[in-house]
N, C-alpha and C. Protein backbone atom coordinates (compact mmCIF):
# COMPACT_ATOMS: atom_id res chain seq x y z
N UNK A 1 60.63 105.64 111.71
CA UNK A 1 60.36 104.31 111.19
C UNK A 1 61.29 104.06 110.01
N UNK A 2 61.98 102.91 109.95
CA UNK A 2 62.86 102.62 108.82
C UNK A 2 62.06 102.43 107.54
N UNK A 3 62.73 102.35 106.41
CA UNK A 3 62.04 102.19 105.14
C UNK A 3 61.18 100.93 105.14
N UNK A 4 59.89 101.11 104.83
CA UNK A 4 58.96 100.00 104.86
C UNK A 4 58.81 99.40 103.47
N UNK A 5 59.28 98.18 103.32
CA UNK A 5 59.13 97.47 102.06
C UNK A 5 57.83 96.66 102.01
N UNK A 6 57.34 96.26 103.19
CA UNK A 6 56.23 95.32 103.24
C UNK A 6 55.17 95.78 104.23
N UNK A 7 53.91 95.49 103.90
CA UNK A 7 52.80 95.78 104.81
C UNK A 7 52.00 94.51 105.07
N UNK A 8 51.63 94.30 106.34
CA UNK A 8 50.69 93.23 106.72
C UNK A 8 49.41 93.92 107.17
N UNK A 9 48.37 93.74 106.39
CA UNK A 9 47.11 94.46 106.58
C UNK A 9 46.09 93.65 107.37
N UNK A 10 45.34 94.33 108.21
CA UNK A 10 44.06 93.83 108.69
C UNK A 10 43.07 94.04 107.55
N UNK A 11 41.91 93.39 107.59
CA UNK A 11 40.95 93.53 106.49
C UNK A 11 39.75 94.39 106.86
N UNK A 12 38.90 93.89 107.76
CA UNK A 12 37.67 94.62 108.10
C UNK A 12 37.97 95.93 108.81
N UNK A 13 37.49 97.03 108.25
CA UNK A 13 37.70 98.33 108.87
C UNK A 13 39.06 98.92 108.58
N UNK A 14 39.89 98.20 107.83
CA UNK A 14 41.23 98.69 107.47
C UNK A 14 41.37 98.75 105.96
N UNK A 15 41.35 97.59 105.32
CA UNK A 15 41.36 97.57 103.85
C UNK A 15 39.98 97.91 103.30
N UNK A 16 38.96 97.31 103.88
CA UNK A 16 37.60 97.45 103.35
C UNK A 16 36.65 98.06 104.37
N UNK A 17 35.73 98.87 103.87
CA UNK A 17 34.73 99.51 104.73
C UNK A 17 33.55 98.57 104.90
N UNK A 18 33.77 97.51 105.66
CA UNK A 18 32.76 96.45 105.80
C UNK A 18 31.85 96.62 107.01
N UNK A 19 32.26 97.42 107.99
CA UNK A 19 31.47 97.47 109.23
C UNK A 19 30.05 97.99 109.04
N UNK A 20 29.78 98.96 108.15
CA UNK A 20 28.38 99.34 107.96
C UNK A 20 27.49 98.17 107.55
N UNK A 21 28.00 97.28 106.70
CA UNK A 21 27.22 96.12 106.28
C UNK A 21 27.09 95.10 107.41
N UNK A 22 28.16 94.91 108.16
CA UNK A 22 28.12 93.99 109.29
C UNK A 22 27.11 94.46 110.33
N UNK A 23 27.15 95.75 110.64
CA UNK A 23 26.22 96.32 111.63
C UNK A 23 24.78 96.18 111.14
N UNK A 24 24.55 96.47 109.87
CA UNK A 24 23.20 96.39 109.33
C UNK A 24 22.66 94.96 109.39
N UNK A 25 23.51 93.97 109.10
CA UNK A 25 23.05 92.57 109.16
C UNK A 25 22.71 92.16 110.59
N UNK A 26 23.52 92.58 111.55
CA UNK A 26 23.20 92.27 112.95
C UNK A 26 21.91 92.97 113.37
N UNK A 27 21.73 94.21 112.97
CA UNK A 27 20.53 94.95 113.36
C UNK A 27 19.28 94.31 112.75
N UNK A 28 19.39 93.84 111.52
CA UNK A 28 18.25 93.15 110.89
C UNK A 28 17.93 91.85 111.61
N UNK A 29 18.99 91.14 112.02
CA UNK A 29 18.77 89.88 112.74
C UNK A 29 18.07 90.13 114.07
N UNK A 30 18.48 91.18 114.77
CA UNK A 30 17.84 91.53 116.05
C UNK A 30 16.40 92.00 115.81
N UNK A 31 16.22 92.79 114.75
CA UNK A 31 14.89 93.31 114.44
C UNK A 31 13.90 92.19 114.14
N UNK A 32 14.39 91.10 113.57
CA UNK A 32 13.52 89.96 113.27
C UNK A 32 12.94 89.36 114.55
N UNK A 33 13.59 89.66 115.69
CA UNK A 33 13.10 89.19 116.99
C UNK A 33 12.32 90.29 117.71
N UNK A 34 11.96 91.34 116.96
CA UNK A 34 11.12 92.40 117.51
C UNK A 34 11.84 93.38 118.40
N UNK A 35 13.18 93.47 118.28
CA UNK A 35 13.94 94.36 119.15
C UNK A 35 14.88 95.22 118.30
N UNK A 36 15.43 96.26 118.95
CA UNK A 36 16.27 97.22 118.23
C UNK A 36 17.65 97.29 118.87
N UNK A 37 18.67 97.13 118.07
CA UNK A 37 20.06 97.21 118.55
C UNK A 37 20.67 98.54 118.14
N UNK A 38 21.38 99.18 119.05
CA UNK A 38 22.02 100.46 118.76
C UNK A 38 23.25 100.24 117.87
N UNK A 39 23.35 100.97 116.77
CA UNK A 39 24.47 100.77 115.83
C UNK A 39 25.85 100.90 116.48
N UNK A 40 26.01 101.87 117.38
CA UNK A 40 27.32 102.10 118.00
C UNK A 40 27.75 100.89 118.81
N UNK A 41 26.82 100.30 119.56
CA UNK A 41 27.17 99.12 120.35
C UNK A 41 27.46 97.92 119.44
N UNK A 42 26.67 97.75 118.41
CA UNK A 42 26.91 96.62 117.50
C UNK A 42 28.28 96.74 116.85
N UNK A 43 28.65 97.93 116.41
CA UNK A 43 29.95 98.10 115.78
C UNK A 43 31.08 97.85 116.76
N UNK A 44 30.92 98.35 117.99
CA UNK A 44 31.95 98.15 119.00
C UNK A 44 32.16 96.66 119.28
N UNK A 45 31.06 95.91 119.42
CA UNK A 45 31.15 94.48 119.68
C UNK A 45 31.72 93.72 118.49
N UNK A 46 31.32 94.11 117.28
CA UNK A 46 31.75 93.39 116.10
C UNK A 46 33.24 93.58 115.84
N UNK A 47 33.80 94.69 116.33
CA UNK A 47 35.24 94.91 116.15
C UNK A 47 36.07 94.00 117.04
N UNK A 48 35.45 93.45 118.08
CA UNK A 48 36.13 92.43 118.90
C UNK A 48 36.13 91.11 118.14
N UNK A 49 35.02 90.82 117.49
CA UNK A 49 34.89 89.57 116.73
C UNK A 49 33.42 89.30 116.47
N UNK A 50 33.11 88.67 115.35
CA UNK A 50 31.71 88.45 115.00
C UNK A 50 31.04 87.44 115.92
N UNK A 51 31.77 86.38 116.30
CA UNK A 51 31.20 85.40 117.23
C UNK A 51 30.96 86.06 118.59
N UNK A 52 31.90 86.87 119.01
CA UNK A 52 31.75 87.60 120.28
C UNK A 52 30.54 88.53 120.22
N UNK A 53 30.39 89.23 119.10
CA UNK A 53 29.26 90.13 118.93
C UNK A 53 27.94 89.37 119.04
N UNK A 54 27.87 88.22 118.37
CA UNK A 54 26.66 87.41 118.43
C UNK A 54 26.34 86.99 119.86
N UNK A 55 27.36 86.56 120.58
CA UNK A 55 27.16 86.11 121.96
C UNK A 55 26.65 87.23 122.85
N UNK A 56 27.28 88.41 122.73
CA UNK A 56 26.90 89.52 123.59
C UNK A 56 25.52 90.06 123.25
N UNK A 57 25.21 90.16 121.97
CA UNK A 57 23.88 90.63 121.59
C UNK A 57 22.80 89.63 121.99
N UNK A 58 23.12 88.35 121.90
CA UNK A 58 22.17 87.32 122.33
C UNK A 58 21.84 87.49 123.81
N UNK A 59 22.88 87.79 124.62
CA UNK A 59 22.65 88.03 126.05
C UNK A 59 21.84 89.30 126.26
N UNK A 60 22.17 90.34 125.51
CA UNK A 60 21.45 91.62 125.65
C UNK A 60 19.96 91.47 125.42
N UNK A 61 19.60 90.66 124.42
CA UNK A 61 18.20 90.59 123.99
C UNK A 61 17.51 89.28 124.30
N UNK A 62 18.19 88.40 125.04
CA UNK A 62 17.57 87.14 125.42
C UNK A 62 17.26 86.24 124.23
N UNK A 63 18.21 86.20 123.28
CA UNK A 63 18.05 85.40 122.06
C UNK A 63 19.05 84.25 122.09
N UNK A 64 18.70 83.15 121.47
CA UNK A 64 19.64 82.04 121.36
C UNK A 64 20.85 82.47 120.54
N UNK A 65 22.04 82.30 121.09
CA UNK A 65 23.25 82.79 120.46
C UNK A 65 23.56 82.13 119.13
N UNK A 66 23.41 80.81 119.04
CA UNK A 66 23.70 80.10 117.79
C UNK A 66 22.72 80.50 116.70
N UNK A 67 21.46 80.67 117.09
CA UNK A 67 20.45 81.08 116.11
C UNK A 67 20.75 82.47 115.58
N UNK A 68 21.12 83.37 116.49
CA UNK A 68 21.43 84.74 116.07
C UNK A 68 22.63 84.77 115.13
N UNK A 69 23.65 83.97 115.45
CA UNK A 69 24.84 83.94 114.60
C UNK A 69 24.49 83.42 113.21
N UNK A 70 23.64 82.40 113.14
CA UNK A 70 23.24 81.84 111.84
C UNK A 70 22.41 82.85 111.06
N UNK A 71 21.52 83.56 111.76
CA UNK A 71 20.68 84.57 111.09
C UNK A 71 21.55 85.72 110.57
N UNK A 72 22.51 86.14 111.39
CA UNK A 72 23.41 87.20 110.95
C UNK A 72 24.18 86.75 109.72
N UNK A 73 24.73 85.54 109.77
CA UNK A 73 25.55 85.05 108.65
C UNK A 73 24.77 85.04 107.34
N UNK A 74 23.52 84.63 107.39
CA UNK A 74 22.70 84.59 106.18
C UNK A 74 22.42 86.01 105.66
N UNK A 75 22.12 86.91 106.57
CA UNK A 75 21.83 88.29 106.17
C UNK A 75 23.08 88.98 105.62
N UNK A 76 24.21 88.75 106.27
CA UNK A 76 25.44 89.39 105.82
C UNK A 76 25.88 88.84 104.46
N UNK A 77 25.74 87.53 104.27
CA UNK A 77 26.13 86.92 103.00
C UNK A 77 25.30 87.46 101.84
N UNK A 78 24.10 87.94 102.14
CA UNK A 78 23.22 88.46 101.09
C UNK A 78 23.59 89.88 100.66
N UNK A 79 24.46 90.55 101.43
CA UNK A 79 24.88 91.91 101.09
C UNK A 79 25.99 91.81 100.05
N UNK A 80 25.83 92.44 98.90
CA UNK A 80 26.83 92.31 97.82
C UNK A 80 28.20 92.81 98.26
N UNK A 81 29.23 92.13 97.81
CA UNK A 81 30.59 92.55 98.14
C UNK A 81 30.94 93.89 97.51
N UNK A 82 30.30 94.23 96.39
CA UNK A 82 30.60 95.52 95.77
C UNK A 82 30.08 96.68 96.62
N UNK A 83 29.19 96.38 97.58
CA UNK A 83 28.69 97.41 98.49
C UNK A 83 29.59 97.60 99.70
N UNK A 84 30.72 96.86 99.72
CA UNK A 84 31.68 96.94 100.82
C UNK A 84 33.05 97.27 100.23
N UNK A 85 33.24 98.54 99.87
CA UNK A 85 34.42 98.92 99.08
C UNK A 85 35.69 99.06 99.90
N UNK A 86 36.83 99.05 99.22
CA UNK A 86 38.07 99.41 99.91
C UNK A 86 38.02 100.89 100.26
N UNK A 87 38.72 101.28 101.32
CA UNK A 87 38.78 102.69 101.67
C UNK A 87 39.54 103.45 100.59
N UNK A 88 39.16 104.70 100.40
CA UNK A 88 39.82 105.54 99.42
C UNK A 88 41.32 105.62 99.73
N UNK A 89 42.13 105.36 98.73
CA UNK A 89 43.57 105.44 98.89
C UNK A 89 44.25 104.12 99.17
N UNK A 90 43.48 103.09 99.52
CA UNK A 90 44.07 101.77 99.81
C UNK A 90 44.81 101.22 98.60
N UNK A 91 44.16 101.29 97.44
CA UNK A 91 44.77 100.75 96.22
C UNK A 91 46.11 101.42 95.94
N UNK A 92 46.17 102.74 96.10
CA UNK A 92 47.39 103.48 95.82
C UNK A 92 48.53 103.07 96.76
N UNK A 93 48.20 102.85 98.04
CA UNK A 93 49.23 102.41 98.99
C UNK A 93 49.75 101.02 98.60
N UNK A 94 48.83 100.11 98.29
CA UNK A 94 49.25 98.75 97.91
C UNK A 94 50.10 98.77 96.65
N UNK A 95 49.69 99.58 95.66
CA UNK A 95 50.45 99.66 94.41
C UNK A 95 51.84 100.25 94.64
N UNK A 96 51.93 101.21 95.55
CA UNK A 96 53.23 101.81 95.86
C UNK A 96 54.17 100.79 96.48
N UNK A 97 53.65 99.97 97.38
CA UNK A 97 54.46 98.92 98.01
C UNK A 97 54.98 97.95 96.96
N UNK A 98 54.12 97.52 96.06
CA UNK A 98 54.52 96.57 95.02
C UNK A 98 55.55 97.22 94.08
N UNK A 99 55.34 98.50 93.76
CA UNK A 99 56.25 99.17 92.82
C UNK A 99 57.66 99.31 93.37
N UNK A 100 57.78 99.32 94.70
CA UNK A 100 59.13 99.42 95.28
C UNK A 100 59.72 98.04 95.58
N UNK A 101 59.05 97.00 95.10
CA UNK A 101 59.57 95.64 95.25
C UNK A 101 59.17 94.97 96.54
N UNK A 102 58.21 95.55 97.24
CA UNK A 102 57.75 94.97 98.50
C UNK A 102 56.52 94.10 98.34
N UNK A 103 55.95 93.67 99.48
CA UNK A 103 54.79 92.79 99.45
C UNK A 103 53.69 93.31 100.37
N UNK A 104 52.45 93.10 99.94
CA UNK A 104 51.27 93.29 100.77
C UNK A 104 50.74 91.92 101.18
N UNK A 105 50.40 91.78 102.46
CA UNK A 105 49.80 90.55 102.96
C UNK A 105 48.61 90.90 103.84
N UNK A 106 47.80 89.90 104.16
CA UNK A 106 46.62 90.12 105.00
C UNK A 106 46.64 89.12 106.16
N UNK A 107 46.36 89.63 107.36
CA UNK A 107 46.13 88.79 108.54
C UNK A 107 44.76 89.17 109.08
N UNK A 108 43.78 88.29 108.88
CA UNK A 108 42.40 88.62 109.22
C UNK A 108 41.72 87.50 110.00
N UNK A 109 40.70 87.87 110.79
CA UNK A 109 39.88 86.89 111.48
C UNK A 109 38.74 86.39 110.58
N UNK A 110 38.61 86.99 109.41
CA UNK A 110 37.57 86.61 108.44
C UNK A 110 37.93 85.25 107.81
N UNK A 111 36.91 84.57 107.26
CA UNK A 111 37.16 83.30 106.58
C UNK A 111 37.78 83.54 105.21
N UNK A 112 38.44 82.51 104.68
CA UNK A 112 39.20 82.65 103.44
C UNK A 112 38.30 82.97 102.24
N UNK A 113 37.15 82.29 102.15
CA UNK A 113 36.28 82.48 100.99
C UNK A 113 35.83 83.92 100.82
N UNK A 114 35.32 84.52 101.88
CA UNK A 114 34.82 85.89 101.76
C UNK A 114 35.96 86.90 101.61
N UNK A 115 37.13 86.55 102.16
CA UNK A 115 38.31 87.41 101.98
C UNK A 115 38.69 87.49 100.51
N UNK A 116 38.80 86.33 99.87
CA UNK A 116 39.16 86.29 98.45
C UNK A 116 38.08 86.95 97.59
N UNK A 117 36.82 86.77 97.98
CA UNK A 117 35.73 87.36 97.20
C UNK A 117 35.82 88.89 97.22
N UNK A 118 36.06 89.46 98.38
CA UNK A 118 36.20 90.91 98.47
C UNK A 118 37.36 91.41 97.60
N UNK A 119 38.48 90.72 97.67
CA UNK A 119 39.65 91.13 96.89
C UNK A 119 39.39 91.05 95.39
N UNK A 120 38.75 89.97 94.94
CA UNK A 120 38.51 89.79 93.51
C UNK A 120 37.46 90.77 93.00
N UNK A 121 36.38 90.95 93.76
CA UNK A 121 35.31 91.86 93.33
C UNK A 121 35.84 93.28 93.12
N UNK A 122 36.77 93.68 93.97
CA UNK A 122 37.29 95.05 93.89
C UNK A 122 38.64 95.14 93.17
N UNK A 123 39.05 94.06 92.53
CA UNK A 123 40.24 94.10 91.69
C UNK A 123 41.54 94.33 92.43
N UNK A 124 41.63 93.78 93.64
CA UNK A 124 42.84 93.98 94.46
C UNK A 124 43.65 92.71 94.67
N UNK A 125 43.13 91.57 94.25
CA UNK A 125 43.75 90.28 94.59
C UNK A 125 45.21 90.20 94.14
N UNK A 126 45.52 90.77 92.99
CA UNK A 126 46.88 90.65 92.44
C UNK A 126 47.92 91.42 93.24
N UNK A 127 47.46 92.27 94.17
CA UNK A 127 48.37 93.11 94.95
C UNK A 127 48.81 92.44 96.26
N UNK A 128 48.31 91.23 96.53
CA UNK A 128 48.60 90.56 97.81
C UNK A 128 49.33 89.24 97.59
N UNK A 129 50.41 89.08 98.35
CA UNK A 129 51.27 87.91 98.20
C UNK A 129 50.92 86.77 99.15
N UNK A 130 50.32 87.10 100.29
CA UNK A 130 50.03 86.07 101.30
C UNK A 130 48.79 86.50 102.09
N UNK A 131 47.96 85.53 102.44
CA UNK A 131 46.75 85.81 103.22
C UNK A 131 46.60 84.74 104.30
N UNK A 132 46.49 85.18 105.55
CA UNK A 132 46.22 84.28 106.67
C UNK A 132 44.83 84.62 107.20
N UNK A 133 43.96 83.63 107.26
CA UNK A 133 42.57 83.83 107.68
C UNK A 133 42.23 82.92 108.85
N UNK A 134 40.98 83.02 109.29
CA UNK A 134 40.50 82.16 110.38
C UNK A 134 40.64 80.69 110.03
N UNK A 135 40.59 80.36 108.72
CA UNK A 135 40.68 78.96 108.30
C UNK A 135 42.05 78.35 108.55
N UNK A 136 43.06 79.18 108.80
CA UNK A 136 44.39 78.66 109.11
C UNK A 136 44.49 78.14 110.54
N UNK A 137 43.50 78.47 111.37
CA UNK A 137 43.44 77.91 112.72
C UNK A 137 44.46 78.47 113.70
N UNK A 138 45.02 79.61 113.41
CA UNK A 138 46.00 80.21 114.33
C UNK A 138 45.29 81.01 115.42
N UNK A 139 45.97 81.25 116.53
CA UNK A 139 45.38 82.11 117.57
C UNK A 139 45.06 83.49 116.99
N UNK A 140 43.98 84.07 117.48
CA UNK A 140 43.55 85.37 116.96
C UNK A 140 44.39 86.50 117.55
N UNK A 141 44.43 87.62 116.83
CA UNK A 141 45.05 88.82 117.39
C UNK A 141 44.34 89.18 118.70
N UNK A 142 45.07 89.67 119.67
CA UNK A 142 46.41 90.27 119.62
C UNK A 142 47.59 89.30 119.63
N UNK A 143 47.33 88.00 119.54
CA UNK A 143 48.43 87.06 119.38
C UNK A 143 49.14 87.35 118.06
N UNK A 144 50.47 87.31 118.02
CA UNK A 144 51.20 87.65 116.78
C UNK A 144 51.33 86.51 115.79
N UNK A 145 50.68 85.37 116.05
CA UNK A 145 50.91 84.16 115.25
C UNK A 145 50.72 84.39 113.75
N UNK A 146 49.67 85.10 113.35
CA UNK A 146 49.42 85.31 111.93
C UNK A 146 50.52 86.15 111.29
N UNK A 147 50.92 87.21 111.99
CA UNK A 147 52.01 88.05 111.48
C UNK A 147 53.31 87.25 111.36
N UNK A 148 53.58 86.45 112.36
CA UNK A 148 54.81 85.65 112.34
C UNK A 148 54.77 84.62 111.21
N UNK A 149 53.60 84.06 110.95
CA UNK A 149 53.50 83.08 109.87
C UNK A 149 53.77 83.74 108.52
N UNK A 150 53.24 84.95 108.33
CA UNK A 150 53.48 85.68 107.08
C UNK A 150 54.96 86.01 106.94
N UNK A 151 55.58 86.48 108.01
CA UNK A 151 57.01 86.78 107.97
C UNK A 151 57.81 85.55 107.55
N UNK A 152 57.45 84.39 108.12
CA UNK A 152 58.16 83.16 107.81
C UNK A 152 57.92 82.67 106.40
N UNK A 153 56.66 82.70 105.96
CA UNK A 153 56.33 82.19 104.62
C UNK A 153 57.02 82.99 103.52
N UNK A 154 57.10 84.32 103.72
CA UNK A 154 57.66 85.19 102.69
C UNK A 154 59.11 85.59 102.96
N UNK A 155 59.66 85.08 104.07
CA UNK A 155 61.04 85.43 104.46
C UNK A 155 61.24 86.95 104.52
N UNK A 156 60.32 87.63 105.19
CA UNK A 156 60.36 89.09 105.28
C UNK A 156 61.23 89.53 106.45
N UNK A 157 61.86 90.67 106.29
CA UNK A 157 62.63 91.30 107.36
C UNK A 157 61.66 92.09 108.24
N UNK A 158 61.51 91.72 109.52
CA UNK A 158 60.58 92.46 110.39
C UNK A 158 60.88 93.96 110.44
N UNK A 159 62.16 94.33 110.35
CA UNK A 159 62.54 95.74 110.42
C UNK A 159 62.07 96.53 109.20
N UNK A 160 61.72 95.82 108.12
CA UNK A 160 61.26 96.48 106.90
C UNK A 160 59.78 96.21 106.65
N UNK A 161 59.07 95.80 107.71
CA UNK A 161 57.67 95.41 107.59
C UNK A 161 56.83 96.14 108.63
N UNK A 162 55.65 96.59 108.23
CA UNK A 162 54.74 97.27 109.15
C UNK A 162 53.38 96.58 109.13
N UNK A 163 52.73 96.57 110.29
CA UNK A 163 51.35 96.08 110.40
C UNK A 163 50.42 97.29 110.33
N UNK A 164 49.35 97.15 109.54
CA UNK A 164 48.37 98.22 109.40
C UNK A 164 47.01 97.70 109.86
N UNK A 165 46.38 98.39 110.82
CA UNK A 165 45.08 97.96 111.31
C UNK A 165 44.28 99.11 111.86
N UNK A 166 43.04 98.80 112.27
CA UNK A 166 42.17 99.85 112.81
C UNK A 166 41.85 99.64 114.29
N UNK A 167 42.46 98.62 114.89
CA UNK A 167 42.19 98.33 116.30
C UNK A 167 43.50 98.16 117.06
N UNK A 168 43.43 98.33 118.37
CA UNK A 168 44.64 98.19 119.17
C UNK A 168 45.16 96.76 119.15
N UNK A 169 44.27 95.77 118.94
CA UNK A 169 44.76 94.39 118.87
C UNK A 169 45.67 94.19 117.66
N UNK A 170 45.44 94.96 116.59
CA UNK A 170 46.32 94.89 115.43
C UNK A 170 47.70 95.45 115.77
N UNK A 171 47.70 96.53 116.55
CA UNK A 171 48.95 97.16 116.97
C UNK A 171 49.73 96.22 117.89
N UNK A 172 49.03 95.63 118.86
CA UNK A 172 49.69 94.73 119.82
C UNK A 172 50.28 93.53 119.11
N UNK A 173 49.53 92.95 118.17
CA UNK A 173 50.02 91.79 117.42
C UNK A 173 51.25 92.16 116.59
N UNK A 174 51.19 93.31 115.94
CA UNK A 174 52.32 93.74 115.13
C UNK A 174 53.57 93.96 115.94
N UNK A 175 53.42 94.64 117.06
CA UNK A 175 54.58 94.91 117.92
C UNK A 175 55.17 93.61 118.47
N UNK A 176 54.30 92.67 118.84
CA UNK A 176 54.79 91.40 119.37
C UNK A 176 55.55 90.60 118.32
N UNK A 177 55.27 90.88 117.04
CA UNK A 177 55.99 90.22 115.95
C UNK A 177 57.23 90.99 115.53
N UNK A 178 57.50 92.10 116.21
CA UNK A 178 58.69 92.89 115.91
C UNK A 178 58.52 93.88 114.77
N UNK A 179 57.26 94.25 114.47
CA UNK A 179 56.98 95.12 113.34
C UNK A 179 56.74 96.56 113.78
N UNK A 180 56.93 97.48 112.85
CA UNK A 180 56.40 98.83 113.03
C UNK A 180 54.88 98.74 112.87
N UNK A 181 54.16 99.71 113.43
CA UNK A 181 52.71 99.61 113.43
C UNK A 181 52.07 100.93 113.00
N UNK A 182 50.99 100.80 112.20
CA UNK A 182 50.25 101.96 111.70
C UNK A 182 48.78 101.75 112.03
N UNK A 183 48.17 102.74 112.69
CA UNK A 183 46.78 102.61 113.14
C UNK A 183 45.88 103.56 112.36
N UNK A 184 44.86 103.01 111.73
CA UNK A 184 43.91 103.78 110.93
C UNK A 184 42.75 104.24 111.81
N UNK A 185 42.51 105.55 111.81
CA UNK A 185 41.39 106.16 112.54
C UNK A 185 41.43 105.85 114.04
N UNK A 186 42.61 105.84 114.60
CA UNK A 186 42.76 105.61 116.03
C UNK A 186 43.01 106.91 116.78
N UNK A 187 43.08 106.81 118.08
CA UNK A 187 43.37 107.95 118.94
C UNK A 187 44.85 107.90 119.32
N UNK A 188 45.60 108.88 118.84
CA UNK A 188 47.05 108.88 119.07
C UNK A 188 47.41 108.91 120.54
N UNK A 189 46.48 109.38 121.38
CA UNK A 189 46.74 109.47 122.83
C UNK A 189 46.58 108.13 123.53
N UNK A 190 45.92 107.18 122.85
CA UNK A 190 45.55 105.93 123.52
C UNK A 190 46.17 104.69 122.86
N UNK A 191 47.14 104.88 122.02
CA UNK A 191 47.69 103.75 121.28
C UNK A 191 49.20 103.66 121.41
N UNK A 192 49.70 102.45 121.19
CA UNK A 192 51.15 102.22 121.14
C UNK A 192 51.67 102.30 119.70
N UNK A 193 50.79 102.58 118.74
CA UNK A 193 51.18 102.56 117.33
C UNK A 193 52.26 103.58 117.03
N UNK A 194 53.11 103.25 116.06
CA UNK A 194 54.18 104.15 115.65
C UNK A 194 53.67 105.29 114.79
N UNK A 195 52.58 105.05 114.07
CA UNK A 195 52.03 106.07 113.19
C UNK A 195 50.51 105.95 113.19
N UNK A 196 49.82 107.07 113.40
CA UNK A 196 48.36 107.10 113.42
C UNK A 196 47.90 108.01 112.29
N UNK A 197 46.92 107.56 111.52
CA UNK A 197 46.47 108.34 110.37
C UNK A 197 44.96 108.17 110.16
N UNK A 198 44.35 109.17 109.51
CA UNK A 198 42.92 109.13 109.21
C UNK A 198 42.66 109.03 107.71
N UNK A 199 43.69 109.22 106.92
CA UNK A 199 43.54 109.26 105.46
C UNK A 199 44.70 108.47 104.85
N UNK A 200 44.39 107.58 103.90
CA UNK A 200 45.45 106.76 103.31
C UNK A 200 46.45 107.57 102.50
N UNK A 201 46.07 108.77 102.09
CA UNK A 201 47.05 109.65 101.43
C UNK A 201 48.17 110.00 102.40
N UNK A 202 47.82 110.14 103.68
CA UNK A 202 48.85 110.43 104.70
C UNK A 202 49.76 109.23 104.92
N UNK A 203 49.18 108.03 104.92
CA UNK A 203 50.02 106.83 105.07
C UNK A 203 50.94 106.69 103.87
N UNK A 204 50.42 106.95 102.67
CA UNK A 204 51.24 106.85 101.47
C UNK A 204 52.43 107.82 101.54
N UNK A 205 52.15 109.04 101.94
CA UNK A 205 53.23 110.04 102.06
C UNK A 205 54.25 109.61 103.09
N UNK A 206 53.77 109.06 104.20
CA UNK A 206 54.65 108.61 105.28
C UNK A 206 55.56 107.48 104.80
N UNK A 207 54.98 106.53 104.08
CA UNK A 207 55.77 105.39 103.59
C UNK A 207 56.77 105.83 102.53
N UNK A 208 56.36 106.71 101.65
CA UNK A 208 57.25 107.15 100.58
C UNK A 208 58.39 108.00 101.11
N UNK A 209 58.18 108.61 102.28
CA UNK A 209 59.23 109.42 102.89
C UNK A 209 60.20 108.59 103.71
N UNK A 210 59.82 107.32 103.98
CA UNK A 210 60.64 106.47 104.85
C UNK A 210 61.83 105.89 104.09
């Protein structure tokens, strides 16, 4: 991988450990209807998308989909952002990128308000130059539109930019935009990613060696 000056990050499950809170909110919403949802299935569905998760769980349990989505949203919003921390080592990677004159950006399916809130609560907002969220109305990953928009807005060289995510859709979107790709907690046997890692210290070492 050539020297990486810039990173385009996914947010949920990549920058921030938000899935435990997301899963808990969905499970509470289902429990309010007298039923029990398995955490593994909820997490798997939520990684596709929160609206998708609501729809599938509604079918599983015979619940109105819109009502379930509204109940989940209220329960999730009540979970403090400080209880959804960045993964250990994320700050150090972002600071390293900035120190070498590069940029960190975010391409997320999350809404802009909660994205900014997470960044500010955890003192990371100053490390990011550009953020594309669901509010921008672009096609969702694996479509590369968000990555391409960031490249264009910041005039970044794709050859010096990598996409970092925790799902294969992040890898596919990054590759379609001409980027190198880094997969967090993925299976190296099942991915097209250029670099697979389980610890951000490993990603930091990899980037500093590039």
